[in-house]
PDB file of N, CA and C in Angstrom:
ATOM      1  N   MET A   1       9.828   1.119  26.694  1.00  0.00           N
ATOM      2  CA  MET A   1       9.916   0.922  25.255  1.00  0.00           C
ATOM      3  C   MET A   1       9.770   2.279  24.564  1.00  0.00           C
ATOM      4  N   LEU A   2      10.552   2.508  23.546  1.00  0.00           N
ATOM      5  CA  LEU A   2      10.469   3.751  22.789  1.00  0.00           C
ATOM      6  C   LEU A   2       9.274   3.718  21.844  1.00  0.00           C
ATOM      7  N   PRO A   3       8.705   4.883  21.542  1.00  0.00           N
ATOM      8  CA  PRO A   3       7.603   4.932  20.592  1.00  0.00           C
ATOM      9  C   PRO A   3       8.022   4.408  19.216  1.00  0.00           C
ATOM     10  N   ALA A   4       7.098   3.767  18.533  1.00  0.00           N
ATOM     11  CA  ALA A   4       7.368   3.233  17.195  1.00  0.00           C
ATOM     12  C   ALA A   4       7.561   4.355  16.178  1.00  0.00           C
ATOM     13  N   TYR A   5       6.907   5.481  16.400  1.00  0.00           N
ATOM     14  CA  TYR A   5       6.981   6.608  15.475  1.00  0.00           C
ATOM     15  C   TYR A   5       7.502   7.826  16.220  1.00  0.00           C
ATOM     16  N   GLN A   6       8.635   8.356  15.783  1.00  0.00           N
ATOM     17  CA  GLN A   6       9.244   9.534  16.393  1.00  0.00           C
ATOM     18  C   GLN A   6       8.591  10.796  15.837  1.00  0.00           C
ATOM     19  N   PRO A   7       8.652  11.907  16.572  1.00  0.00           N
ATOM     20  CA  PRO A   7       8.118  13.171  16.056  1.00  0.00           C
ATOM     21  C   PRO A   7       8.712  13.485  14.681  1.00  0.00           C
ATOM     22  N   GLY A   8       7.879  13.949  13.784  1.00  0.00           N
ATOM     23  CA  GLY A   8       8.312  14.281  12.435  1.00  0.00           C
ATOM     24  C   GLY A   8       8.150  13.144  11.435  1.00  0.00           C
ATOM     25  N   THR A   9       7.786  11.951  11.910  1.00  0.00           N
ATOM     26  CA  THR A   9       7.566  10.822  11.010  1.00  0.00           C
ATOM     27  C   THR A   9       6.252  11.015  10.266  1.00  0.00           C
ATOM     28  N   LEU A  10       6.276  10.826   8.969  1.00  0.00           N
ATOM     29  CA  LEU A  10       5.082  10.921   8.139  1.00  0.00           C
ATOM     30  C   LEU A  10       4.425   9.545   8.119  1.00  0.00           C
ATOM     31  N   VAL A  11       3.143   9.473   8.486  1.00  0.00           N
ATOM     32  CA  VAL A  11       2.447   8.188   8.530  1.00  0.00           C
ATOM     33  C   VAL A  11       1.324   8.148   7.507  1.00  0.00           C
ATOM     34  N   LEU A  12       1.030   6.944   7.031  1.00  0.00           N
ATOM     35  CA  LEU A  12      -0.063   6.722   6.095  1.00  0.00           C
ATOM     36  C   LEU A  12      -1.109   5.889   6.810  1.00  0.00           C
ATOM     37  N   GLY A  13      -2.321   6.420   6.893  1.00  0.00           N
ATOM     38  CA  GLY A  13      -3.410   5.704   7.541  1.00  0.00           C
ATOM     39  C   GLY A  13      -4.571   5.501   6.584  1.00  0.00           C
ATOM     40  N   LEU A  14      -5.266   4.384   6.764  1.00  0.00           N
ATOM     41  CA  LEU A  14      -6.432   4.076   5.939  1.00  0.00           C
ATOM     42  C   LEU A  14      -7.680   4.056   6.819  1.00  0.00           C
ATOM     43  N   LYS A  15      -8.718   4.780   6.368  1.00  0.00           N
ATOM     44  CA  LYS A  15      -9.953   4.881   7.140  1.00  0.00           C
ATOM     45  C   LYS A  15     -10.776   3.602   7.107  1.00  0.00           C
ATOM     46  N   TRP A  16     -10.700   2.845   6.056  1.00  0.00           N
ATOM     47  CA  TRP A  16     -11.602   1.706   5.887  1.00  0.00           C
ATOM     48  C   TRP A  16     -11.116   0.425   6.550  1.00  0.00           C
ATOM     49  N   LEU A  17      -9.889   0.397   7.066  1.00  0.00           N
ATOM     50  CA  LEU A  17      -9.402  -0.796   7.761  1.00  0.00           C
ATOM     51  C   LEU A  17     -10.007  -0.892   9.156  1.00  0.00           C
ATOM     52  N   ARG A  18     -10.304  -2.092   9.594  1.00  0.00           N
ATOM     53  CA  ARG A  18     -10.832  -2.319  10.934  1.00  0.00           C
ATOM     54  C   ARG A  18      -9.663  -2.493  11.899  1.00  0.00           C
ATOM     55  N   PRO A  19      -9.602  -1.680  12.948  1.00  0.00           N
ATOM     56  CA  PRO A  19      -8.512  -1.828  13.919  1.00  0.00           C
ATOM     57  C   PRO A  19      -8.602  -3.156  14.664  1.00  0.00           C
ATOM     58  N   LYS A  20      -7.447  -3.743  14.945  1.00  0.00           N
ATOM     59  CA  LYS A  20      -7.396  -4.966  15.737  1.00  0.00           C
ATOM     60  C   LYS A  20      -6.276  -4.805  16.765  1.00  0.00           C
ATOM     61  N   VAL A  21      -6.210  -5.708  17.720  1.00  0.00           N
ATOM     62  CA  VAL A  21      -5.168  -5.635  18.744  1.00  0.00           C
ATOM     63  C   VAL A  21      -3.802  -5.604  18.063  1.00  0.00           C
ATOM     64  N   GLY A  22      -2.982  -4.645  18.457  1.00  0.00           N
ATOM     65  CA  GLY A  22      -1.658  -4.459  17.866  1.00  0.00           C
ATOM     66  C   GLY A  22      -1.609  -3.372  16.810  1.00  0.00           C
ATOM     67  N   SER A  23      -2.762  -2.987  16.239  1.00  0.00           N
ATOM     68  CA  SER A  23      -2.796  -1.920  15.236  1.00  0.00           C
ATOM     69  C   SER A  23      -2.443  -0.584  15.864  1.00  0.00           C
ATOM     70  N   VAL A  24      -1.745   0.253  15.110  1.00  0.00           N
ATOM     71  CA  VAL A  24      -1.524   1.645  15.509  1.00  0.00           C
ATOM     72  C   VAL A  24      -2.593   2.456  14.801  1.00  0.00           C
ATOM     73  N   VAL A  25      -3.266   3.323  15.557  1.00  0.00           N
ATOM     74  CA  VAL A  25      -4.389   4.075  15.009  1.00  0.00           C
ATOM     75  C   VAL A  25      -4.242   5.562  15.303  1.00  0.00           C
ATOM     76  N   VAL A  26      -4.930   6.349  14.494  1.00  0.00           N
ATOM     77  CA  VAL A  26      -5.126   7.764  14.785  1.00  0.00           C
ATOM     78  C   VAL A  26      -6.521   7.857  15.382  1.00  0.00           C
ATOM     79  N   ALA A  27      -6.603   8.405  16.587  1.00  0.00           N
ATOM     80  CA  ALA A  27      -7.887   8.541  17.273  1.00  0.00           C
ATOM     81  C   ALA A  27      -8.132  10.008  17.603  1.00  0.00           C
ATOM     82  N   ASP A  28      -9.398  10.365  17.687  1.00  0.00           N
ATOM     83  CA  ASP A  28      -9.780  11.711  18.080  1.00  0.00           C
ATOM     84  C   ASP A  28     -10.044  11.728  19.577  1.00  0.00           C
ATOM     85  N   TYR A  29      -9.354  12.612  20.292  1.00  0.00           N
ATOM     86  CA  TYR A  29      -9.622  12.808  21.708  1.00  0.00           C
ATOM     87  C   TYR A  29      -9.850  14.293  21.940  1.00  0.00           C
ATOM     88  N   GLN A  30     -11.098  14.663  22.146  1.00  0.00           N
ATOM     89  CA  GLN A  30     -11.491  16.046  22.399  1.00  0.00           C
ATOM     90  C   GLN A  30     -10.926  17.010  21.361  1.00  0.00           C
ATOM     91  N   GLY A  31     -11.048  16.632  20.087  1.00  0.00           N
ATOM     92  CA  GLY A  31     -10.607  17.488  18.991  1.00  0.00           C
ATOM     93  C   GLY A  31      -9.141  17.389  18.638  1.00  0.00           C
ATOM     94  N   ARG A  32      -8.385  16.572  19.379  1.00  0.00           N
ATOM     95  CA  ARG A  32      -6.957  16.363  19.081  1.00  0.00           C
ATOM     96  C   ARG A  32      -6.780  14.992  18.457  1.00  0.00           C
ATOM     97  N   GLU A  33      -5.903  14.904  17.473  1.00  0.00           N
ATOM     98  CA  GLU A  33      -5.563  13.607  16.893  1.00  0.00           C
ATOM     99  C   GLU A  33      -4.389  13.021  17.667  1.00  0.00           C
ATOM    100  N   ILE A  34      -4.561  11.792  18.131  1.00  0.00           N
ATOM    101  CA  ILE A  34      -3.497  11.122  18.873  1.00  0.00           C
ATOM    102  C   ILE A  34      -3.178   9.793  18.199  1.00  0.00           C
ATOM    103  N   LEU A  35      -1.939   9.376  18.315  1.00  0.00           N
ATOM    104  CA  LEU A  35      -1.455   8.139  17.704  1.00  0.00           C
ATOM    105  C   LEU A  35      -1.191   7.139  18.829  1.00  0.00           C
ATOM    106  N   LYS A  36      -1.943   6.042  18.838  1.00  0.00           N
ATOM    107  CA  LYS A  36      -1.833   5.044  19.908  1.00  0.00           C
ATOM    108  C   LYS A  36      -1.973   3.645  19.323  1.00  0.00           C
ATOM    109  N   ARG A  37      -1.593   2.652  20.129  1.00  0.00           N
ATOM    110  CA  ARG A  37      -1.691   1.251  19.726  1.00  0.00           C
ATOM    111  C   ARG A  37      -2.901   0.609  20.409  1.00  0.00           C
ATOM    112  N   VAL A  38      -3.653  -0.205  19.656  1.00  0.00           N
ATOM    113  CA  VAL A  38      -4.820  -0.896  20.201  1.00  0.00           C
ATOM    114  C   VAL A  38      -4.338  -2.033  21.097  1.00  0.00           C
ATOM    115  N   ALA A  39      -4.743  -1.989  22.367  1.00  0.00           N
ATOM    116  CA  ALA A  39      -4.352  -3.020  23.326  1.00  0.00           C
ATOM    117  C   ALA A  39      -5.480  -4.028  23.553  1.00  0.00           C
ATOM    118  N   ARG A  40      -6.718  -3.535  23.547  1.00  0.00           N
ATOM    119  CA  ARG A  40      -7.882  -4.403  23.750  1.00  0.00           C
ATOM    120  C   ARG A  40      -9.046  -3.885  22.933  1.00  0.00           C
ATOM    121  N   VAL A  41      -9.920  -4.814  22.538  1.00  0.00           N
ATOM    122  CA  VAL A  41     -11.116  -4.474  21.780  1.00  0.00           C
ATOM    123  C   VAL A  41     -12.290  -5.193  22.429  1.00  0.00           C
ATOM    124  N   ASN A  42     -13.409  -4.470  22.591  1.00  0.00           N
ATOM    125  CA  ASN A  42     -14.641  -5.141  23.015  1.00  0.00           C
ATOM    126  C   ASN A  42     -15.812  -4.528  22.263  1.00  0.00           C
ATOM    127  N   GLN A  43     -17.023  -4.900  22.613  1.00  0.00           N
ATOM    128  CA  GLN A  43     -18.219  -4.416  21.911  1.00  0.00           C
ATOM    129  C   GLN A  43     -18.362  -2.896  21.976  1.00  0.00           C
ATOM    130  N   GLU A  44     -17.860  -2.306  23.042  1.00  0.00           N
ATOM    131  CA  GLU A  44     -18.054  -0.872  23.249  1.00  0.00           C
ATOM    132  C   GLU A  44     -16.959  -0.005  22.668  1.00  0.00           C
ATOM    133  N   GLY A  45     -15.802  -0.582  22.353  1.00  0.00           N
ATOM    134  CA  GLY A  45     -14.751   0.252  21.798  1.00  0.00           C
ATOM    135  C   GLY A  45     -13.358  -0.324  21.926  1.00  0.00           C
ATOM    136  N   PHE A  46     -12.395   0.591  22.035  1.00  0.00           N
ATOM    137  CA  PHE A  46     -10.984   0.249  21.967  1.00  0.00           C
ATOM    138  C   PHE A  46     -10.244   0.811  23.182  1.00  0.00           C
ATOM    139  N   PHE A  47      -9.359   0.000  23.740  1.00  0.00           N
ATOM    140  CA  PHE A  47      -8.469   0.446  24.815  1.00  0.00           C
ATOM    141  C   PHE A  47      -7.130   0.696  24.156  1.00  0.00           C
ATOM    142  N   LEU A  48      -6.691   1.952  24.154  1.00  0.00           N
ATOM    143  CA  LEU A  48      -5.495   2.363  23.432  1.00  0.00           C
ATOM    144  C   LEU A  48      -4.365   2.677  24.398  1.00  0.00           C
ATOM    145  N   LEU A  49      -3.163   2.203  24.062  1.00  0.00           N
ATOM    146  CA  LEU A  49      -1.979   2.457  24.877  1.00  0.00           C
ATOM    147  C   LEU A  49      -0.874   3.053  24.024  1.00  0.00           C
ATOM    148  N   GLY A  50      -0.065   3.892  24.639  1.00  0.00           N
ATOM    149  CA  GLY A  50       1.132   4.397  23.987  1.00  0.00           C
ATOM    150  C   GLY A  50       2.246   3.375  24.100  1.00  0.00           C
ATOM    151  N   ASP A  51       3.217   3.421  23.198  1.00  0.00           N
ATOM    152  CA  ASP A  51       4.326   2.462  23.223  1.00  0.00           C
ATOM    153  C   ASP A  51       5.260   2.673  24.421  1.00  0.00           C
ATOM    154  N   ASN A  52       5.355   3.892  24.914  1.00  0.00           N
ATOM    155  CA  ASN A  52       6.214   4.179  26.061  1.00  0.00           C
ATOM    156  C   ASN A  52       5.311   4.312  27.292  1.00  0.00           C
ATOM    157  N   ALA A  53       5.058   3.207  27.973  1.00  0.00           N
ATOM    158  CA  ALA A  53       4.074   3.163  29.054  1.00  0.00           C
ATOM    159  C   ALA A  53       4.366   4.134  30.192  1.00  0.00           C
ATOM    160  N   THR A  54       5.622   4.414  30.468  1.00  0.00           N
ATOM    161  CA  THR A  54       5.946   5.295  31.593  1.00  0.00           C
ATOM    162  C   THR A  54       5.723   6.769  31.273  1.00  0.00           C
ATOM    163  N   ARG A  55       5.639   7.122  29.997  1.00  0.00           N
ATOM    164  CA  ARG A  55       5.500   8.540  29.626  1.00  0.00           C
ATOM    165  C   ARG A  55       4.256   8.837  28.807  1.00  0.00           C
ATOM    166  N   SER A  56       3.455   7.837  28.516  1.00  0.00           N
ATOM    167  CA  SER A  56       2.317   8.014  27.631  1.00  0.00           C
ATOM    168  C   SER A  56       1.032   8.333  28.394  1.00  0.00           C
ATOM    169  N   THR A  57       0.245   9.224  27.815  1.00  0.00           N
ATOM    170  CA  THR A  57      -1.112   9.467  28.294  1.00  0.00           C
ATOM    171  C   THR A  57      -2.026   8.756  27.310  1.00  0.00           C
ATOM    172  N   ASP A  58      -2.800   7.810  27.814  1.00  0.00           N
ATOM    173  CA  ASP A  58      -3.583   6.941  26.932  1.00  0.00           C
ATOM    174  C   ASP A  58      -4.863   6.498  27.631  1.00  0.00           C
ATOM    175  N   SER A  59      -5.407   5.343  27.276  1.00  0.00           N
ATOM    176  CA  SER A  59      -6.677   4.890  27.844  1.00  0.00           C
ATOM    177  C   SER A  59      -6.624   4.687  29.350  1.00  0.00           C
ATOM    178  N   ARG A  60      -5.445   4.573  29.907  1.00  0.00           N
ATOM    179  CA  ARG A  60      -5.342   4.492  31.368  1.00  0.00           C
ATOM    180  C   ARG A  60      -5.811   5.793  32.008  1.00  0.00           C
ATOM    181  N   VAL A  61      -5.754   6.884  31.240  1.00  0.00           N
ATOM    182  CA  VAL A  61      -6.238   8.188  31.702  1.00  0.00           C
ATOM    183  C   VAL A  61      -7.557   8.541  31.012  1.00  0.00           C
ATOM    184  N   TYR A  62      -7.606   8.361  29.679  1.00  0.00           N
ATOM    185  CA  TYR A  62      -8.762   8.778  28.880  1.00  0.00           C
ATOM    186  C   TYR A  62      -9.952   7.818  28.963  1.00  0.00           C
ATOM    187  N   GLY A  63      -9.704   6.559  29.254  1.00  0.00           N
ATOM    188  CA  GLY A  63     -10.761   5.551  29.202  1.00  0.00           C
ATOM    189  C   GLY A  63     -10.860   4.931  27.816  1.00  0.00           C
ATOM    190  N   TRP A  64     -11.905   4.152  27.610  1.00  0.00           N
ATOM    191  CA  TRP A  64     -12.127   3.459  26.341  1.00  0.00           C
ATOM    192  C   TRP A  64     -12.519   4.447  25.252  1.00  0.00           C
ATOM    193  N   PHE A  65     -12.122   4.151  24.015  1.00  0.00           N
ATOM    194  CA  PHE A  65     -12.455   4.975  22.858  1.00  0.00           C
ATOM    195  C   PHE A  65     -13.582   4.309  22.075  1.00  0.00           C
ATOM    196  N   ALA A  66     -14.624   5.063  21.794  1.00  0.00           N
ATOM    197  CA  ALA A  66     -15.739   4.560  20.989  1.00  0.00           C
ATOM    198  C   ALA A  66     -15.256   4.327  19.562  1.00  0.00           C
ATOM    199  N   PRO A  67     -15.878   3.381  18.841  1.00  0.00           N
ATOM    200  CA  PRO A  67     -15.454   3.103  17.462  1.00  0.00           C
ATOM    201  C   PRO A  67     -15.416   4.350  16.573  1.00  0.00           C
ATOM    202  N   GLY A  68     -16.331   5.271  16.753  1.00  0.00           N
ATOM    203  CA  GLY A  68     -16.378   6.474  15.925  1.00  0.00           C
ATOM    204  C   GLY A  68     -15.215   7.428  16.134  1.00  0.00           C
ATOM    205  N   THR A  69     -14.438   7.238  17.193  1.00  0.00           N
ATOM    206  CA  THR A  69     -13.303   8.135  17.454  1.00  0.00           C
ATOM    207  C   THR A  69     -12.029   7.674  16.745  1.00  0.00           C
ATOM    208  N   ILE A  70     -12.050   6.464  16.195  1.00  0.00           N
ATOM    209  CA  ILE A  70     -10.882   5.963  15.464  1.00  0.00           C
ATOM    210  C   ILE A  70     -10.964   6.484  14.035  1.00  0.00           C
ATOM    211  N   LYS A  71      -9.989   7.308  13.653  1.00  0.00           N
ATOM    212  CA  LYS A  71     -10.011   7.934  12.327  1.00  0.00           C
ATOM    213  C   LYS A  71      -9.363   7.079  11.251  1.00  0.00           C
ATOM    214  N   SER A  72      -8.279   6.382  11.587  1.00  0.00           N
ATOM    215  CA  SER A  72      -7.604   5.553  10.592  1.00  0.00           C
ATOM    216  C   SER A  72      -6.654   4.577  11.280  1.00  0.00           C
ATOM    217  N   VAL A  73      -6.266   3.568  10.510  1.00  0.00           N
ATOM    218  CA  VAL A  73      -5.288   2.575  10.948  1.00  0.00           C
ATOM    219  C   VAL A  73      -4.004   2.838  10.168  1.00  0.00           C
ATOM    220  N   ILE A  74      -2.888   2.955  10.875  1.00  0.00           N
ATOM    221  CA  ILE A  74      -1.607   3.255  10.236  1.00  0.00           C
ATOM    222  C   ILE A  74      -1.096   2.004   9.516  1.00  0.00           C
ATOM    223  N   VAL A  75      -0.700   2.192   8.249  1.00  0.00           N
ATOM    224  CA  VAL A  75      -0.215   1.070   7.443  1.00  0.00           C
ATOM    225  C   VAL A  75       1.224   1.268   6.967  1.00  0.00           C
ATOM    226  N   GLY A  76       1.774   2.453   7.152  1.00  0.00           N
ATOM    227  CA  GLY A  76       3.146   2.707   6.727  1.00  0.00           C
ATOM    228  C   GLY A  76       3.651   4.027   7.250  1.00  0.00           C
ATOM    229  N   SER A  77       4.968   4.221   7.134  1.00  0.00           N
ATOM    230  CA  SER A  77       5.562   5.465   7.606  1.00  0.00           C
ATOM    231  C   SER A  77       6.844   5.774   6.850  1.00  0.00           C
ATOM    232  N   ILE A  78       7.211   7.050   6.881  1.00  0.00           N
ATOM    233  CA  ILE A  78       8.459   7.515   6.277  1.00  0.00           C
ATOM    234  C   ILE A  78       9.105   8.452   7.285  1.00  0.00           C
ATOM    235  N   LYS A  79      10.355   8.172   7.651  1.00  0.00           N
ATOM    236  CA  LYS A  79      11.072   9.080   8.545  1.00  0.00           C
ATOM    237  C   LYS A  79      11.564  10.261   7.737  1.00  0.00           C
ATOM    238  N   ARG A  80      11.364  11.439   8.271  1.00  0.00           N
ATOM    239  CA  ARG A  80      11.787  12.656   7.569  1.00  0.00           C
ATOM    240  C   ARG A  80      13.181  13.043   7.979  1.00  0.00           C
TER     241      ARG A  80
END
């Protein structure tokens, strides 16, 4: 599957929204902002996957993301 957002796409994210399964989020991973989709949620955090499973580096490599690492939930986009 191709990524939902291509390079150069401008996205709008809201910090106050609670991520749920299916949400696309901006997460902090070791000081880098990454854009991933929430696949699973539990008490300890979020399991994030990229839309292109064969080429994505995501929770299958990074592990679970703590709630504090989620910076915003994407609510819209504009292709440039």
